[in-house]
Protein backbone atom coordinates (compact mmCIF):
# COMPACT_ATOMS: atom_id res chain seq x y z
CA MET A 1 8.30 2.04 -4.65
CA ARG A 2 7.11 4.10 -7.46
CA PRO A 3 8.66 7.76 -7.13
CA TRP A 4 7.20 8.67 -10.36
CA CYS A 5 3.51 8.26 -9.45
CA ALA A 6 1.45 11.03 -7.90
CA VAL A 7 -2.19 11.05 -7.13
CA GLY A 8 -4.15 13.29 -9.62
CA VAL A 9 -7.82 13.54 -10.18
CA PRO A 10 -9.57 11.09 -7.75
CA GLY A 11 -9.21 7.56 -9.30
CA THR A 12 -6.28 8.48 -11.33
CA VAL A 13 -2.51 8.47 -10.91
CA VAL A 14 -0.23 10.61 -13.07
CA GLY A 15 1.97 8.64 -15.17
CA MET A 16 -0.05 5.49 -14.98
CA GLY A 17 -2.82 4.17 -17.41
CA PRO A 18 -5.80 2.03 -16.14
CA GLU A 19 -4.18 -1.25 -17.10
CA GLU A 20 -1.00 -0.51 -15.13
CA MET A 21 -3.12 0.72 -12.11
CA ALA A 22 -5.03 -2.51 -12.10
CA ARG A 23 -1.73 -4.57 -12.25
CA LEU A 24 -0.24 -2.41 -9.53
CA TRP A 25 -3.41 -3.07 -7.32
CA ASP A 26 -3.17 -6.77 -7.96
CA GLU A 27 0.44 -6.75 -6.78
CA HIS A 28 -0.44 -4.84 -3.77
CA THR A 29 -3.35 -7.06 -2.71
CA ALA A 30 -1.21 -10.18 -3.50
CA GLY A 31 1.40 -8.76 -1.15
CA GLU A 32 -1.07 -8.02 1.65
CA PHE A 33 -3.36 -11.18 1.42
CA ALA A 34 -1.59 -14.00 -0.68
CA LEU A 35 2.05 -13.44 0.12
CA ARG A 36 1.54 -11.72 3.46
CA ASP A 37 4.87 -9.75 2.64
CA VAL A 38 5.47 -6.32 3.98
CA ASP A 39 8.36 -5.70 1.56
CA ALA A 40 6.11 -6.75 -1.52
CA THR A 41 3.38 -4.62 -0.24
CA MET A 42 5.55 -1.45 0.43
CA ALA A 43 7.04 -1.91 -3.11
CA THR A 44 3.79 -1.00 -4.55
CA MET A 45 3.37 2.34 -2.65
CA VAL A 46 4.30 6.02 -3.36
CA PRO A 47 7.19 7.37 -1.43
CA GLU A 48 5.00 9.08 1.34
CA PRO A 49 2.14 6.57 1.63
CA SER A 50 -0.81 6.76 4.13
CA VAL A 51 -3.27 3.93 5.06
CA VAL A 52 -6.38 3.78 7.19
CA HIS A 53 -7.96 0.52 7.85
CA LEU A 54 -11.60 1.50 8.04
CA PRO A 55 -13.21 -1.16 10.19
CA THR A 56 -10.84 -0.24 12.95
CA LEU A 57 -9.89 3.41 11.90
CA ILE A 58 -6.21 2.67 12.66
CA GLY A 59 -3.64 3.24 10.17
CA ALA A 60 -0.29 5.32 9.64
CA GLN A 61 1.55 7.85 7.42
CA GLY A 62 4.96 7.81 5.99
CA GLN A 63 7.26 4.92 4.90
CA GLU A 64 8.31 4.12 8.50
CA GLY A 65 4.73 4.31 10.02
CA VAL A 66 2.94 2.44 7.14
CA ARG A 67 5.72 -0.18 7.27
CA ARG A 68 5.16 -0.70 10.94
CA PHE A 69 1.38 -0.75 10.57
CA TYR A 70 1.66 -3.53 7.97
CA ALA A 71 4.30 -5.35 10.04
CA GLU A 72 2.43 -5.20 13.37
CA GLU A 73 -1.23 -4.64 12.80
CA PHE A 74 -2.16 -6.04 9.27
CA ILE A 75 0.21 -8.65 7.79
CA GLY A 76 2.98 -9.48 10.45
CA GLU A 77 3.08 -11.71 13.43
CA GLY A 78 0.94 -9.31 15.68
CA ALA A 79 -1.72 -8.97 13.21
CA ALA A 80 -5.09 -10.52 14.09
């Protein structure tokens, strides 16, 4: 988790340059799709994340909710 990051102007994160943002995005998508690892994916998020899966309009907010979403709906055993 990156407690020092905060969303700033759309497309920017305070305290992070473009190269680090790209590296973090690569880590995040690797956790989701290559590793299918909830912990690795959650480690790339801010302290109070939110997610919306646009094709289905389901998602969650906060650490517990987002972790549950990834574990049960997107990455984990219950994921389609």
